[in-house]
Amino acid sequence: MWDKGREYSKGIKTDVNFNFKEVAKRLGLTKEQVLMVYLEKAMFSIEKWILDGELSSGETLISRLDDLRNYADILETLLYEKD
């Protein structure tokens, strides 16, 4: 999560969700919709592994499962920001 957090914040320590907000602004989506795109990408990868036992990326299945947990945590932070 720490590594991904640095990626999603573009190094901006005060806003770990910067990338989601910026992509949302550029594409006319909500930050939650952007997060869903990332989550779906991870789900597609897991689905591929379930169907044929392979991942198309160089990542492991454990890494993809970690991504799902991270996206759930990120969604929670986005929800807290709304309050």
N, C-alpha and C. Protein backbone atom coordinates (compact mmCIF):
# COMPACT_ATOMS: atom_id res chain seq x y z
N MET A 1 0.83 -1.19 0.00
CA MET A 1 0.00 0.00 0.00
C MET A 1 0.87 1.26 0.00
N TRP A 2 2.01 1.20 0.72
CA TRP A 2 2.87 2.37 0.76
C TRP A 2 3.41 2.71 -0.62
N ASP A 3 3.84 1.69 -1.36
CA ASP A 3 4.36 1.92 -2.71
C ASP A 3 3.28 2.48 -3.62
N LYS A 4 2.10 1.85 -3.60
CA LYS A 4 1.01 2.32 -4.46
C LYS A 4 0.59 3.73 -4.05
N GLY A 5 0.57 3.99 -2.75
CA GLY A 5 0.18 5.32 -2.27
C GLY A 5 1.06 6.41 -2.84
N ARG A 6 2.36 6.14 -2.91
CA ARG A 6 3.27 7.13 -3.50
C ARG A 6 2.96 7.33 -4.98
N GLU A 7 2.61 6.25 -5.67
CA GLU A 7 2.26 6.36 -7.09
C GLU A 7 1.00 7.19 -7.28
N TYR A 8 -0.01 6.92 -6.46
CA TYR A 8 -1.30 7.59 -6.62
C TYR A 8 -1.28 9.05 -6.19
N SER A 9 -0.26 9.44 -5.43
CA SER A 9 -0.21 10.82 -4.96
C SER A 9 0.73 11.69 -5.80
N LYS A 10 1.42 11.08 -6.76
CA LYS A 10 2.42 11.79 -7.57
C LYS A 10 3.45 12.46 -6.68
N GLY A 11 3.71 11.83 -5.54
CA GLY A 11 4.70 12.40 -4.62
C GLY A 11 4.18 13.55 -3.77
N ILE A 12 2.91 13.90 -3.93
CA ILE A 12 2.31 14.98 -3.14
C ILE A 12 1.88 14.38 -1.81
N LYS A 13 2.67 14.58 -0.78
CA LYS A 13 2.45 13.89 0.49
C LYS A 13 1.15 14.29 1.17
N THR A 14 0.63 15.45 0.85
CA THR A 14 -0.58 15.90 1.53
C THR A 14 -1.85 15.32 0.93
N ASP A 15 -1.79 14.72 -0.23
CA ASP A 15 -2.99 14.19 -0.87
C ASP A 15 -2.68 12.85 -1.55
N VAL A 16 -2.91 11.77 -0.82
CA VAL A 16 -2.60 10.45 -1.37
C VAL A 16 -3.56 10.03 -2.48
N ASN A 17 -4.66 10.75 -2.65
CA ASN A 17 -5.62 10.42 -3.70
C ASN A 17 -5.54 11.37 -4.89
N PHE A 18 -4.44 12.08 -5.00
CA PHE A 18 -4.29 13.06 -6.07
C PHE A 18 -4.58 12.48 -7.45
N ASN A 19 -3.99 11.33 -7.76
CA ASN A 19 -4.17 10.76 -9.11
C ASN A 19 -5.63 10.49 -9.43
N PHE A 20 -6.37 9.96 -8.46
CA PHE A 20 -7.79 9.67 -8.71
C PHE A 20 -8.56 10.96 -9.00
N LYS A 21 -8.26 12.00 -8.26
CA LYS A 21 -8.93 13.29 -8.46
C LYS A 21 -8.55 13.91 -9.79
N GLU A 22 -7.27 13.85 -10.12
CA GLU A 22 -6.79 14.46 -11.36
C GLU A 22 -7.36 13.74 -12.59
N VAL A 23 -7.32 12.41 -12.57
CA VAL A 23 -7.88 11.64 -13.69
C VAL A 23 -9.38 11.91 -13.81
N ALA A 24 -10.06 11.97 -12.67
CA ALA A 24 -11.50 12.25 -12.69
C ALA A 24 -11.79 13.59 -13.34
N LYS A 25 -11.01 14.59 -12.96
CA LYS A 25 -11.19 15.93 -13.53
C LYS A 25 -10.95 15.91 -15.04
N ARG A 26 -9.89 15.26 -15.46
CA ARG A 26 -9.54 15.24 -16.89
C ARG A 26 -10.56 14.49 -17.73
N LEU A 27 -11.16 13.44 -17.15
CA LEU A 27 -12.09 12.60 -17.93
C LEU A 27 -13.57 12.90 -17.66
N GLY A 28 -13.84 13.82 -16.75
CA GLY A 28 -15.23 14.15 -16.44
C GLY A 28 -15.93 13.03 -15.67
N LEU A 29 -15.19 12.35 -14.83
CA LEU A 29 -15.73 11.25 -14.01
C LEU A 29 -15.62 11.64 -12.55
N THR A 30 -16.22 10.82 -11.69
CA THR A 30 -16.00 11.00 -10.27
C THR A 30 -14.73 10.23 -9.89
N LYS A 31 -14.15 10.58 -8.76
CA LYS A 31 -12.95 9.85 -8.31
C LYS A 31 -13.29 8.41 -8.00
N GLU A 32 -14.52 8.17 -7.56
CA GLU A 32 -14.95 6.79 -7.30
C GLU A 32 -15.06 5.99 -8.60
N GLN A 33 -15.50 6.63 -9.67
CA GLN A 33 -15.56 5.95 -10.96
C GLN A 33 -14.16 5.60 -11.46
N VAL A 34 -13.24 6.51 -11.26
CA VAL A 34 -11.85 6.24 -11.65
C VAL A 34 -11.31 5.05 -10.86
N LEU A 35 -11.55 5.04 -9.55
CA LEU A 35 -11.12 3.93 -8.73
C LEU A 35 -11.72 2.62 -9.24
N MET A 36 -12.96 2.66 -9.67
CA MET A 36 -13.62 1.45 -10.17
C MET A 36 -12.93 0.92 -11.43
N VAL A 37 -12.42 1.80 -12.26
CA VAL A 37 -11.68 1.36 -13.44
C VAL A 37 -10.42 0.59 -13.02
N TYR A 38 -9.70 1.13 -12.06
CA TYR A 38 -8.50 0.45 -11.55
C TYR A 38 -8.88 -0.90 -10.94
N LEU A 39 -9.96 -0.92 -10.17
CA LEU A 39 -10.41 -2.15 -9.53
C LEU A 39 -10.83 -3.19 -10.57
N GLU A 40 -11.54 -2.76 -11.59
CA GLU A 40 -11.96 -3.68 -12.65
C GLU A 40 -10.76 -4.27 -13.37
N LYS A 41 -9.73 -3.46 -13.57
CA LYS A 41 -8.51 -3.97 -14.21
C LYS A 41 -7.92 -5.11 -13.40
N ALA A 42 -7.86 -4.93 -12.09
CA ALA A 42 -7.34 -5.99 -11.22
C ALA A 42 -8.26 -7.21 -11.27
N MET A 43 -9.56 -6.98 -11.29
CA MET A 43 -10.52 -8.09 -11.35
C MET A 43 -10.38 -8.87 -12.66
N PHE A 44 -10.20 -8.18 -13.76
CA PHE A 44 -10.01 -8.88 -15.04
C PHE A 44 -8.79 -9.78 -14.99
N SER A 45 -7.73 -9.29 -14.38
CA SER A 45 -6.52 -10.08 -14.25
C SER A 45 -6.77 -11.33 -13.41
N ILE A 46 -7.48 -11.18 -12.31
CA ILE A 46 -7.80 -12.32 -11.46
C ILE A 46 -8.72 -13.29 -12.19
N GLU A 47 -9.69 -12.76 -12.91
CA GLU A 47 -10.60 -13.61 -13.69
C GLU A 47 -9.83 -14.43 -14.72
N LYS A 48 -8.85 -13.80 -15.37
CA LYS A 48 -8.04 -14.53 -16.34
C LYS A 48 -7.29 -15.67 -15.67
N TRP A 49 -6.74 -15.41 -14.47
CA TRP A 49 -6.04 -16.46 -13.74
C TRP A 49 -6.99 -17.60 -13.39
N ILE A 50 -8.21 -17.27 -12.97
CA ILE A 50 -9.19 -18.30 -12.62
C ILE A 50 -9.54 -19.15 -13.84
N LEU A 51 -9.67 -18.52 -15.00
CA LEU A 51 -10.08 -19.23 -16.21
C LEU A 51 -8.96 -20.07 -16.83
N ASP A 52 -7.73 -19.52 -16.86
CA ASP A 52 -6.68 -20.27 -17.55
C ASP A 52 -5.38 -20.41 -16.78
N GLY A 53 -5.37 -19.98 -15.50
CA GLY A 53 -4.20 -20.18 -14.67
C GLY A 53 -3.03 -19.27 -14.98
N GLU A 54 -3.27 -18.22 -15.75
CA GLU A 54 -2.18 -17.30 -16.11
C GLU A 54 -2.57 -15.86 -15.85
N LEU A 55 -1.56 -15.06 -15.56
CA LEU A 55 -1.73 -13.61 -15.50
C LEU A 55 -1.00 -13.02 -16.68
N SER A 56 -1.61 -12.07 -17.35
CA SER A 56 -0.97 -11.49 -18.53
C SER A 56 0.14 -10.52 -18.14
N SER A 57 0.05 -9.96 -16.95
CA SER A 57 1.11 -9.06 -16.49
C SER A 57 2.20 -9.87 -15.81
N GLY A 58 3.26 -9.21 -15.44
CA GLY A 58 4.34 -9.89 -14.73
C GLY A 58 4.06 -10.02 -13.24
N GLU A 59 2.89 -9.55 -12.79
CA GLU A 59 2.56 -9.59 -11.37
C GLU A 59 2.06 -10.97 -10.95
N THR A 60 2.07 -11.20 -9.66
CA THR A 60 1.58 -12.47 -9.12
C THR A 60 0.12 -12.34 -8.74
N LEU A 61 -0.53 -13.47 -8.55
CA LEU A 61 -1.92 -13.45 -8.11
C LEU A 61 -2.02 -12.78 -6.74
N ILE A 62 -1.08 -13.03 -5.87
CA ILE A 62 -1.08 -12.40 -4.54
C ILE A 62 -1.02 -10.88 -4.68
N SER A 63 -0.21 -10.41 -5.60
CA SER A 63 -0.10 -8.97 -5.83
C SER A 63 -1.43 -8.39 -6.29
N ARG A 64 -2.13 -9.10 -7.15
CA ARG A 64 -3.44 -8.64 -7.63
C ARG A 64 -4.47 -8.65 -6.51
N LEU A 65 -4.41 -9.65 -5.64
CA LEU A 65 -5.32 -9.68 -4.49
C LEU A 65 -5.00 -8.53 -3.53
N ASP A 66 -3.72 -8.24 -3.37
CA ASP A 66 -3.33 -7.09 -2.56
C ASP A 66 -3.89 -5.80 -3.16
N ASP A 67 -3.86 -5.70 -4.49
CA ASP A 67 -4.43 -4.53 -5.16
C ASP A 67 -5.91 -4.36 -4.80
N LEU A 68 -6.66 -5.45 -4.81
CA LEU A 68 -8.09 -5.36 -4.47
C LEU A 68 -8.29 -4.81 -3.06
N ARG A 69 -7.49 -5.32 -2.12
CA ARG A 69 -7.59 -4.83 -0.75
C ARG A 69 -7.21 -3.36 -0.68
N ASN A 70 -6.18 -2.98 -1.40
CA ASN A 70 -5.76 -1.58 -1.42
C ASN A 70 -6.85 -0.68 -1.99
N TYR A 71 -7.50 -1.12 -3.07
CA TYR A 71 -8.55 -0.29 -3.66
C TYR A 71 -9.73 -0.13 -2.71
N ALA A 72 -10.04 -1.15 -1.93
CA ALA A 72 -11.09 -1.03 -0.92
C ALA A 72 -10.70 0.03 0.12
N ASP A 73 -9.44 0.00 0.54
CA ASP A 73 -8.97 1.01 1.49
C ASP A 73 -8.98 2.41 0.88
N ILE A 74 -8.59 2.51 -0.37
CA ILE A 74 -8.59 3.81 -1.04
C ILE A 74 -10.01 4.34 -1.16
N LEU A 75 -10.95 3.47 -1.50
CA LEU A 75 -12.35 3.91 -1.58
C LEU A 75 -12.81 4.45 -0.24
N GLU A 76 -12.40 3.79 0.83
CA GLU A 76 -12.77 4.28 2.16
C GLU A 76 -12.22 5.68 2.39
N THR A 77 -10.97 5.94 1.97
CA THR A 77 -10.42 7.29 2.16
C THR A 77 -11.16 8.31 1.31
N LEU A 78 -11.59 7.91 0.12
CA LEU A 78 -12.36 8.84 -0.72
C LEU A 78 -13.70 9.14 -0.09
N LEU A 79 -14.31 8.17 0.54
CA LEU A 79 -15.59 8.39 1.21
C LEU A 79 -15.42 9.34 2.41
N TYR A 80 -14.34 9.16 3.17
CA TYR A 80 -14.08 10.04 4.30
C TYR A 80 -13.85 11.48 3.84
N GLU A 81 -13.26 11.66 2.67
CA GLU A 81 -13.01 13.01 2.16
C GLU A 81 -14.32 13.75 1.87
N LYS A 82 -15.37 13.00 1.59
CA LYS A 82 -16.66 13.65 1.28
C LYS A 82 -17.28 14.29 2.51
N ASP A 83 -16.92 13.80 3.69
CA ASP A 83 -17.52 14.31 4.94
C ASP A 83 -16.97 15.64 5.33
